[in-house]
Amino acid sequence: MFKAVLTVVFFCLAGLVSLVESPLAHADIKSYEFSEPKMANRFVDLTTVLRCPKCQNQNLADSDSIIAKDLRAQVQSLINKGQTDQQITDFMVQRYGEFILYDPPLKKSTLVLWLGPFGMVLIGSWALWFFGRKTQNQGAMLTPLEQQQLDQLLADNKHTDRD
């Protein structure tokens, strides 16, 4: 009994410590300051449309990787220097390639990215139509004489089953 109470107390204390320490774990996130709120809005916009080169599935704003922190600082520096959003985006594309953009431009090299989903919808629609269509089962057409013979056989079969 004492062991069970001690285990419960231990887990409660461990949970309490984890709650207390979690804000400390996020204390190293740097606050980016700008002279104007408009610049801060630009920073947020840019860091949400640029992809983290390491994480690949997160934008710069959401990523905690070291490279994302460096790139956020770079974006802040470029904004403070007075560069436009296009200049900053061009700089990032020149340095990291078009992969850093979440929305790549429509050109020959990215045509598959833009048209691929439409192609898949067309292929899926065709497959649904092709495999979902009902085949018309047309039985063999019988001549009137053959139909009469068939009816006679069926009638004879009914009479013999009753006997």
N, C-alpha and C. Protein backbone atom coordinates (compact mmCIF):
# COMPACT_ATOMS: atom_id res chain seq x y z
N MET A 1 0.83 -1.19 0.00
CA MET A 1 0.00 0.00 0.00
C MET A 1 0.87 1.26 0.00
N PHE A 2 1.92 1.23 0.83
CA PHE A 2 2.81 2.37 0.92
C PHE A 2 3.52 2.62 -0.41
N LYS A 3 3.88 1.51 -1.12
CA LYS A 3 4.54 1.63 -2.42
C LYS A 3 3.62 2.30 -3.44
N ALA A 4 2.35 1.94 -3.42
CA ALA A 4 1.40 2.51 -4.36
C ALA A 4 1.23 4.01 -4.13
N VAL A 5 1.13 4.42 -2.87
CA VAL A 5 0.99 5.84 -2.55
C VAL A 5 2.25 6.59 -2.95
N LEU A 6 3.40 6.01 -2.69
CA LEU A 6 4.67 6.63 -3.05
C LEU A 6 4.79 6.79 -4.56
N THR A 7 4.34 5.81 -5.33
CA THR A 7 4.37 5.88 -6.79
C THR A 7 3.46 6.99 -7.30
N VAL A 8 2.28 7.10 -6.75
CA VAL A 8 1.35 8.16 -7.16
C VAL A 8 1.94 9.53 -6.84
N VAL A 9 2.51 9.70 -5.67
CA VAL A 9 3.13 10.98 -5.29
C VAL A 9 4.29 11.30 -6.23
N PHE A 10 5.09 10.30 -6.57
CA PHE A 10 6.22 10.51 -7.47
C PHE A 10 5.75 11.00 -8.83
N PHE A 11 4.72 10.35 -9.40
CA PHE A 11 4.22 10.75 -10.71
C PHE A 11 3.56 12.13 -10.66
N CYS A 12 2.91 12.45 -9.58
CA CYS A 12 2.32 13.79 -9.44
C CYS A 12 3.42 14.85 -9.39
N LEU A 13 4.47 14.59 -8.66
CA LEU A 13 5.59 15.54 -8.60
C LEU A 13 6.29 15.66 -9.95
N ALA A 14 6.45 14.55 -10.64
CA ALA A 14 7.09 14.58 -11.97
C ALA A 14 6.24 15.41 -12.94
N GLY A 15 4.93 15.24 -12.89
CA GLY A 15 4.04 16.04 -13.73
C GLY A 15 4.11 17.51 -13.39
N LEU A 16 4.18 17.82 -12.11
CA LEU A 16 4.28 19.21 -11.66
C LEU A 16 5.58 19.84 -12.13
N VAL A 17 6.67 19.10 -12.03
CA VAL A 17 7.97 19.62 -12.48
C VAL A 17 7.94 19.87 -13.98
N SER A 18 7.33 18.96 -14.75
CA SER A 18 7.28 19.16 -16.20
C SER A 18 6.44 20.39 -16.57
N LEU A 19 5.40 20.67 -15.79
CA LEU A 19 4.61 21.87 -16.05
C LEU A 19 5.38 23.13 -15.72
N VAL A 20 6.17 23.08 -14.68
CA VAL A 20 6.94 24.25 -14.28
C VAL A 20 8.09 24.49 -15.25
N GLU A 21 8.70 23.43 -15.76
CA GLU A 21 9.86 23.58 -16.62
C GLU A 21 9.50 23.89 -18.07
N SER A 22 8.31 23.60 -18.52
CA SER A 22 8.01 23.81 -19.93
C SER A 22 8.12 25.28 -20.35
N PRO A 23 7.73 26.27 -19.55
CA PRO A 23 7.98 27.64 -19.98
C PRO A 23 9.48 27.95 -20.04
N LEU A 24 10.28 27.31 -19.20
CA LEU A 24 11.71 27.55 -19.24
C LEU A 24 12.34 27.01 -20.52
N ALA A 25 11.75 25.93 -21.04
CA ALA A 25 12.29 25.36 -22.27
C ALA A 25 12.07 26.28 -23.45
N HIS A 26 11.03 27.10 -23.41
CA HIS A 26 10.75 28.02 -24.50
C HIS A 26 11.29 29.42 -24.24
N ALA A 27 12.05 29.60 -23.20
CA ALA A 27 12.54 30.93 -22.86
C ALA A 27 13.63 31.40 -23.82
N ASP A 28 14.28 30.46 -24.57
CA ASP A 28 15.36 30.86 -25.45
C ASP A 28 14.88 31.38 -26.80
N ILE A 29 13.58 31.32 -27.05
CA ILE A 29 13.06 31.83 -28.31
C ILE A 29 13.20 33.35 -28.32
N LYS A 30 13.91 33.82 -29.32
CA LYS A 30 14.23 35.24 -29.40
C LYS A 30 13.00 36.04 -29.83
N SER A 31 12.84 37.16 -29.21
CA SER A 31 11.76 38.07 -29.60
C SER A 31 12.32 39.02 -30.66
N TYR A 32 11.63 39.10 -31.77
CA TYR A 32 12.09 39.96 -32.87
C TYR A 32 11.38 41.30 -32.76
N GLU A 33 12.16 42.35 -32.65
CA GLU A 33 11.60 43.68 -32.46
C GLU A 33 11.82 44.52 -33.71
N PHE A 34 10.81 45.33 -34.00
CA PHE A 34 10.87 46.21 -35.17
C PHE A 34 10.44 47.61 -34.74
N SER A 35 10.86 48.58 -35.53
CA SER A 35 10.53 49.96 -35.18
C SER A 35 9.08 50.30 -35.49
N GLU A 36 8.49 49.58 -36.42
CA GLU A 36 7.10 49.84 -36.81
C GLU A 36 6.30 48.52 -36.81
N PRO A 37 5.05 48.58 -36.44
CA PRO A 37 4.21 47.37 -36.46
C PRO A 37 4.07 46.79 -37.88
N LYS A 38 4.14 47.66 -38.88
CA LYS A 38 4.03 47.19 -40.27
C LYS A 38 5.19 46.25 -40.61
N MET A 39 6.36 46.56 -40.07
CA MET A 39 7.53 45.70 -40.31
C MET A 39 7.35 44.35 -39.62
N ALA A 40 6.76 44.35 -38.45
CA ALA A 40 6.51 43.10 -37.73
C ALA A 40 5.51 42.24 -38.52
N ASN A 41 4.51 42.87 -39.10
CA ASN A 41 3.54 42.14 -39.92
C ASN A 41 4.21 41.54 -41.15
N ARG A 42 5.10 42.28 -41.77
CA ARG A 42 5.86 41.77 -42.93
C ARG A 42 6.71 40.57 -42.52
N PHE A 43 7.31 40.67 -41.34
CA PHE A 43 8.14 39.58 -40.84
C PHE A 43 7.31 38.31 -40.66
N VAL A 44 6.15 38.46 -40.07
CA VAL A 44 5.26 37.30 -39.87
C VAL A 44 4.84 36.74 -41.22
N ASP A 45 4.47 37.60 -42.14
CA ASP A 45 4.05 37.13 -43.46
C ASP A 45 5.17 36.38 -44.18
N LEU A 46 6.37 36.94 -44.15
CA LEU A 46 7.49 36.31 -44.84
C LEU A 46 7.89 34.98 -44.20
N THR A 47 7.92 34.94 -42.89
CA THR A 47 8.35 33.69 -42.25
C THR A 47 7.30 32.59 -42.35
N THR A 48 6.07 32.93 -42.67
CA THR A 48 5.06 31.89 -42.87
C THR A 48 5.01 31.39 -44.30
N VAL A 49 5.53 32.14 -45.27
CA VAL A 49 5.52 31.67 -46.66
C VAL A 49 6.86 31.05 -47.07
N LEU A 50 7.86 31.17 -46.22
CA LEU A 50 9.16 30.55 -46.52
C LEU A 50 9.29 29.25 -45.74
N ARG A 51 9.75 28.22 -46.42
CA ARG A 51 9.87 26.87 -45.84
C ARG A 51 11.23 26.71 -45.17
N CYS A 52 11.24 25.97 -44.08
CA CYS A 52 12.49 25.65 -43.40
C CYS A 52 13.27 24.63 -44.24
N PRO A 53 14.51 24.92 -44.60
CA PRO A 53 15.27 23.98 -45.42
C PRO A 53 15.55 22.64 -44.72
N LYS A 54 15.60 22.65 -43.41
CA LYS A 54 15.89 21.40 -42.68
C LYS A 54 14.60 20.61 -42.44
N CYS A 55 13.58 21.27 -41.94
CA CYS A 55 12.34 20.57 -41.56
C CYS A 55 11.53 20.15 -42.78
N GLN A 56 11.55 20.93 -43.82
CA GLN A 56 10.90 20.68 -45.10
C GLN A 56 9.39 20.67 -45.05
N ASN A 57 8.79 20.49 -43.89
CA ASN A 57 7.34 20.48 -43.83
C ASN A 57 6.83 21.55 -42.87
N GLN A 58 7.70 22.46 -42.49
CA GLN A 58 7.32 23.56 -41.62
C GLN A 58 7.84 24.86 -42.22
N ASN A 59 7.15 25.91 -41.91
CA ASN A 59 7.64 27.20 -42.36
C ASN A 59 8.64 27.74 -41.34
N LEU A 60 9.28 28.85 -41.67
CA LEU A 60 10.29 29.41 -40.78
C LEU A 60 9.70 29.83 -39.44
N ALA A 61 8.47 30.28 -39.45
CA ALA A 61 7.85 30.74 -38.20
C ALA A 61 7.61 29.60 -37.22
N ASP A 62 7.30 28.42 -37.73
CA ASP A 62 6.95 27.29 -36.86
C ASP A 62 8.14 26.42 -36.47
N SER A 63 9.22 26.50 -37.23
CA SER A 63 10.34 25.60 -37.02
C SER A 63 11.23 26.06 -35.86
N ASP A 64 11.74 25.08 -35.11
CA ASP A 64 12.67 25.37 -34.03
C ASP A 64 14.11 25.00 -34.39
N SER A 65 14.36 24.65 -35.64
CA SER A 65 15.71 24.25 -36.03
C SER A 65 16.64 25.46 -36.00
N ILE A 66 17.92 25.17 -35.93
CA ILE A 66 18.92 26.24 -35.85
C ILE A 66 18.92 27.06 -37.13
N ILE A 67 18.81 26.40 -38.28
CA ILE A 67 18.80 27.13 -39.55
C ILE A 67 17.58 28.04 -39.65
N ALA A 68 16.44 27.59 -39.13
CA ALA A 68 15.24 28.44 -39.16
C ALA A 68 15.44 29.68 -38.29
N LYS A 69 16.08 29.51 -37.15
CA LYS A 69 16.36 30.67 -36.29
C LYS A 69 17.29 31.65 -36.99
N ASP A 70 18.31 31.11 -37.68
CA ASP A 70 19.23 31.97 -38.43
C ASP A 70 18.51 32.70 -39.56
N LEU A 71 17.63 31.98 -40.25
CA LEU A 71 16.90 32.60 -41.36
C LEU A 71 15.90 33.64 -40.86
N ARG A 72 15.29 33.40 -39.72
CA ARG A 72 14.40 34.43 -39.15
C ARG A 72 15.20 35.68 -38.82
N ALA A 73 16.39 35.49 -38.26
CA ALA A 73 17.25 36.65 -37.96
C ALA A 73 17.66 37.36 -39.25
N GLN A 74 17.92 36.57 -40.31
CA GLN A 74 18.28 37.16 -41.61
C GLN A 74 17.12 37.96 -42.17
N VAL A 75 15.91 37.41 -42.08
CA VAL A 75 14.72 38.13 -42.57
C VAL A 75 14.53 39.42 -41.77
N GLN A 76 14.71 39.33 -40.46
CA GLN A 76 14.60 40.54 -39.63
C GLN A 76 15.62 41.59 -40.06
N SER A 77 16.84 41.16 -40.29
CA SER A 77 17.91 42.08 -40.69
C SER A 77 17.59 42.73 -42.03
N LEU A 78 17.11 41.93 -42.98
CA LEU A 78 16.79 42.47 -44.30
C LEU A 78 15.61 43.44 -44.25
N ILE A 79 14.63 43.14 -43.40
CA ILE A 79 13.49 44.07 -43.24
C ILE A 79 13.98 45.37 -42.63
N ASN A 80 14.81 45.27 -41.60
CA ASN A 80 15.34 46.49 -40.95
C ASN A 80 16.21 47.30 -41.89
N LYS A 81 16.84 46.66 -42.88
CA LYS A 81 17.66 47.38 -43.86
C LYS A 81 16.80 48.06 -44.91
N GLY A 82 15.49 47.77 -44.92
CA GLY A 82 14.58 48.44 -45.84
C GLY A 82 14.32 47.69 -47.13
N GLN A 83 14.69 46.42 -47.21
CA GLN A 83 14.43 45.67 -48.43
C GLN A 83 12.95 45.29 -48.52
N THR A 84 12.48 45.17 -49.74
CA THR A 84 11.08 44.82 -49.97
C THR A 84 10.90 43.31 -49.78
N ASP A 85 9.64 42.91 -49.71
CA ASP A 85 9.34 41.48 -49.56
C ASP A 85 9.87 40.69 -50.74
N GLN A 86 9.74 41.26 -51.95
CA GLN A 86 10.22 40.58 -53.16
C GLN A 86 11.74 40.42 -53.13
N GLN A 87 12.44 41.44 -52.68
CA GLN A 87 13.90 41.36 -52.60
C GLN A 87 14.33 40.29 -51.59
N ILE A 88 13.63 40.23 -50.48
CA ILE A 88 13.95 39.22 -49.46
C ILE A 88 13.67 37.82 -49.99
N THR A 89 12.53 37.65 -50.66
CA THR A 89 12.18 36.35 -51.23
C THR A 89 13.19 35.95 -52.30
N ASP A 90 13.57 36.90 -53.15
CA ASP A 90 14.57 36.62 -54.19
C ASP A 90 15.90 36.21 -53.57
N PHE A 91 16.29 36.87 -52.49
CA PHE A 91 17.53 36.53 -51.80
C PHE A 91 17.48 35.09 -51.29
N MET A 92 16.36 34.73 -50.67
CA MET A 92 16.22 33.38 -50.12
C MET A 92 16.19 32.33 -51.24
N VAL A 93 15.53 32.63 -52.34
CA VAL A 93 15.48 31.68 -53.46
C VAL A 93 16.87 31.54 -54.08
N GLN A 94 17.60 32.64 -54.20
CA GLN A 94 18.94 32.58 -54.75
C GLN A 94 19.85 31.72 -53.87
N ARG A 95 19.66 31.82 -52.58
CA ARG A 95 20.53 31.10 -51.64
C ARG A 95 20.11 29.64 -51.45
N TYR A 96 18.78 29.36 -51.40
CA TYR A 96 18.30 28.02 -51.07
C TYR A 96 17.51 27.34 -52.19
N GLY A 97 17.28 28.03 -53.27
CA GLY A 97 16.52 27.46 -54.37
C GLY A 97 15.02 27.65 -54.16
N GLU A 98 14.26 27.27 -55.18
CA GLU A 98 12.80 27.47 -55.12
C GLU A 98 12.13 26.57 -54.10
N PHE A 99 12.85 25.60 -53.59
CA PHE A 99 12.30 24.71 -52.58
C PHE A 99 11.87 25.48 -51.34
N ILE A 100 12.51 26.62 -51.08
CA ILE A 100 12.20 27.38 -49.86
C ILE A 100 10.82 28.03 -49.94
N LEU A 101 10.26 28.12 -51.13
CA LEU A 101 8.93 28.71 -51.30
C LEU A 101 7.85 27.64 -51.13
N TYR A 102 6.83 27.94 -50.36
CA TYR A 102 5.71 27.01 -50.24
C TYR A 102 4.86 27.01 -51.51
N ASP A 103 4.76 28.13 -52.17
CA ASP A 103 4.02 28.23 -53.42
C ASP A 103 5.00 28.51 -54.54
N PRO A 104 5.53 27.46 -55.18
CA PRO A 104 6.50 27.69 -56.25
C PRO A 104 5.82 28.35 -57.45
N PRO A 105 6.58 29.15 -58.21
CA PRO A 105 5.98 29.82 -59.37
C PRO A 105 5.64 28.80 -60.46
N LEU A 106 4.68 29.16 -61.30
CA LEU A 106 4.26 28.28 -62.39
C LEU A 106 5.25 28.45 -63.55
N LYS A 107 6.09 27.45 -63.74
CA LYS A 107 7.02 27.42 -64.86
C LYS A 107 7.22 25.98 -65.29
N LYS A 108 8.02 25.79 -66.30
CA LYS A 108 8.19 24.46 -66.88
C LYS A 108 8.67 23.43 -65.86
N SER A 109 9.59 23.83 -65.00
CA SER A 109 10.15 22.88 -64.04
C SER A 109 9.17 22.53 -62.91
N THR A 110 8.16 23.35 -62.69
CA THR A 110 7.19 23.07 -61.61
C THR A 110 5.81 22.71 -62.16
N LEU A 111 5.74 22.45 -63.45
CA LEU A 111 4.45 22.15 -64.07
C LEU A 111 3.80 20.90 -63.47
N VAL A 112 4.60 19.90 -63.14
CA VAL A 112 4.05 18.67 -62.57
C VAL A 112 3.41 18.96 -61.21
N LEU A 113 4.03 19.85 -60.42
CA LEU A 113 3.46 20.20 -59.11
C LEU A 113 2.10 20.86 -59.25
N TRP A 114 1.94 21.68 -60.26
CA TRP A 114 0.69 22.41 -60.43
C TRP A 114 -0.38 21.59 -61.13
N LEU A 115 0.01 20.77 -62.11
CA LEU A 115 -0.98 20.03 -62.89
C LEU A 115 -1.19 18.60 -62.39
N GLY A 116 -0.28 18.10 -61.58
CA GLY A 116 -0.39 16.74 -61.06
C GLY A 116 -1.70 16.45 -60.35
N PRO A 117 -2.15 17.30 -59.44
CA PRO A 117 -3.43 17.03 -58.76
C PRO A 117 -4.62 16.95 -59.72
N PHE A 118 -4.63 17.82 -60.74
CA PHE A 118 -5.73 17.78 -61.70
C PHE A 118 -5.69 16.48 -62.50
N GLY A 119 -4.48 16.05 -62.86
CA GLY A 119 -4.32 14.79 -63.57
C GLY A 119 -4.80 13.61 -62.73
N MET A 120 -4.48 13.64 -61.45
CA MET A 120 -4.91 12.56 -60.56
C MET A 120 -6.43 12.52 -60.44
N VAL A 121 -7.06 13.69 -60.38
CA VAL A 121 -8.53 13.74 -60.32
C VAL A 121 -9.13 13.18 -61.60
N LEU A 122 -8.54 13.53 -62.74
CA LEU A 122 -9.04 12.99 -64.01
C LEU A 122 -8.87 11.48 -64.08
N ILE A 123 -7.71 10.98 -63.68
CA ILE A 123 -7.47 9.54 -63.70
C ILE A 123 -8.42 8.83 -62.74
N GLY A 124 -8.62 9.40 -61.56
CA GLY A 124 -9.55 8.80 -60.60
C GLY A 124 -10.99 8.81 -61.11
N SER A 125 -11.39 9.90 -61.74
CA SER A 125 -12.75 9.97 -62.30
C SER A 125 -12.93 8.94 -63.41
N TRP A 126 -11.92 8.83 -64.27
CA TRP A 126 -12.00 7.84 -65.34
C TRP A 126 -12.08 6.43 -64.75
N ALA A 127 -11.27 6.14 -63.73
CA ALA A 127 -11.28 4.81 -63.12
C ALA A 127 -12.64 4.51 -62.49
N LEU A 128 -13.22 5.51 -61.82
CA LEU A 128 -14.56 5.30 -61.24
C LEU A 128 -15.59 5.03 -62.33
N TRP A 129 -15.49 5.78 -63.43
CA TRP A 129 -16.44 5.58 -64.52
C TRP A 129 -16.23 4.21 -65.16
N PHE A 130 -14.95 3.87 -65.43
CA PHE A 130 -14.65 2.63 -66.14
C PHE A 130 -15.02 1.40 -65.33
N PHE A 131 -14.63 1.39 -64.06
CA PHE A 131 -14.88 0.21 -63.24
C PHE A 131 -16.26 0.23 -62.59
N GLY A 132 -16.90 1.37 -62.56
CA GLY A 132 -18.20 1.47 -61.93
C GLY A 132 -19.37 1.32 -62.89
N ARG A 133 -19.08 1.36 -64.16
CA ARG A 133 -20.19 1.24 -65.11
C ARG A 133 -20.76 -0.16 -65.09
N LYS A 134 -22.03 -0.26 -65.40
CA LYS A 134 -22.71 -1.56 -65.40
C LYS A 134 -22.64 -2.15 -66.80
N THR A 135 -22.20 -3.35 -66.84
CA THR A 135 -22.18 -4.02 -68.14
C THR A 135 -23.58 -4.55 -68.40
N GLN A 136 -24.01 -4.40 -69.59
CA GLN A 136 -25.34 -4.86 -69.94
C GLN A 136 -25.26 -6.33 -70.32
N ASN A 137 -25.86 -7.14 -69.50
CA ASN A 137 -25.89 -8.57 -69.77
C ASN A 137 -27.05 -8.85 -70.71
N GLN A 138 -26.70 -9.05 -71.92
CA GLN A 138 -27.74 -9.42 -72.86
C GLN A 138 -27.65 -10.92 -73.04
N GLY A 139 -28.69 -11.58 -72.61
CA GLY A 139 -28.73 -13.03 -72.76
C GLY A 139 -28.82 -13.40 -74.24
N ALA A 140 -28.54 -14.64 -74.50
CA ALA A 140 -28.63 -15.10 -75.89
C ALA A 140 -30.08 -15.01 -76.34
N MET A 141 -30.25 -14.42 -77.48
CA MET A 141 -31.60 -14.29 -78.01
C MET A 141 -32.07 -15.64 -78.55
N LEU A 142 -33.21 -16.04 -78.09
CA LEU A 142 -33.76 -17.32 -78.52
C LEU A 142 -34.79 -17.09 -79.63
N THR A 143 -34.80 -18.02 -80.53
CA THR A 143 -35.84 -17.97 -81.57
C THR A 143 -37.15 -18.35 -80.90
N PRO A 144 -38.26 -18.03 -81.50
CA PRO A 144 -39.54 -18.41 -80.90
C PRO A 144 -39.68 -19.92 -80.69
N LEU A 145 -39.10 -20.72 -81.58
CA LEU A 145 -39.17 -22.17 -81.43
C LEU A 145 -38.35 -22.62 -80.22
N GLU A 146 -37.15 -22.04 -80.05
CA GLU A 146 -36.30 -22.39 -78.91
C GLU A 146 -36.94 -21.95 -77.60
N GLN A 147 -37.57 -20.78 -77.60
CA GLN A 147 -38.26 -20.30 -76.41
C GLN A 147 -39.39 -21.23 -76.03
N GLN A 148 -40.12 -21.73 -77.03
CA GLN A 148 -41.23 -22.66 -76.78
C GLN A 148 -40.70 -23.96 -76.20
N GLN A 149 -39.58 -24.45 -76.71
CA GLN A 149 -38.99 -25.69 -76.21
C GLN A 149 -38.51 -25.49 -74.75
N LEU A 150 -37.93 -24.34 -74.47
CA LEU A 150 -37.46 -24.04 -73.11
C LEU A 150 -38.63 -23.99 -72.14
N ASP A 151 -39.69 -23.31 -72.55
CA ASP A 151 -40.88 -23.24 -71.70
C ASP A 151 -41.45 -24.63 -71.44
N GLN A 152 -41.44 -25.48 -72.47
CA GLN A 152 -41.95 -26.85 -72.33
C GLN A 152 -41.09 -27.64 -71.34
N LEU A 153 -39.78 -27.51 -71.43
CA LEU A 153 -38.88 -28.22 -70.52
C LEU A 153 -39.09 -27.75 -69.07
N LEU A 154 -39.23 -26.47 -68.89
CA LEU A 154 -39.45 -25.94 -67.54
C LEU A 154 -40.79 -26.43 -66.99
N ALA A 155 -41.79 -26.45 -67.81
CA ALA A 155 -43.10 -26.92 -67.36
C ALA A 155 -43.05 -28.41 -67.02
N ASP A 156 -42.35 -29.19 -67.84
CA ASP A 156 -42.22 -30.62 -67.55
C ASP A 156 -41.45 -30.84 -66.26
N ASN A 157 -40.46 -30.02 -66.02
CA ASN A 157 -39.65 -30.14 -64.80
C ASN A 157 -40.48 -29.84 -63.57
N LYS A 158 -41.39 -28.88 -63.66
CA LYS A 158 -42.25 -28.56 -62.53
C LYS A 158 -43.17 -29.73 -62.20
N HIS A 159 -43.70 -30.37 -63.24
CA HIS A 159 -44.63 -31.49 -63.01
C HIS A 159 -43.93 -32.70 -62.44
N THR A 160 -42.67 -32.95 -62.84
CA THR A 160 -41.95 -34.12 -62.33
C THR A 160 -41.49 -33.91 -60.91
N ASP A 161 -41.20 -32.65 -60.50
CA ASP A 161 -40.76 -32.37 -59.13
C ASP A 161 -41.89 -32.64 -58.14
N ARG A 162 -43.12 -32.47 -58.51
CA ARG A 162 -44.23 -32.65 -57.61
C ARG A 162 -44.54 -34.12 -57.37
N ASP A 163 -44.14 -34.94 -58.27
CA ASP A 163 -44.47 -36.37 -58.14
C ASP A 163 -43.65 -37.08 -57.14
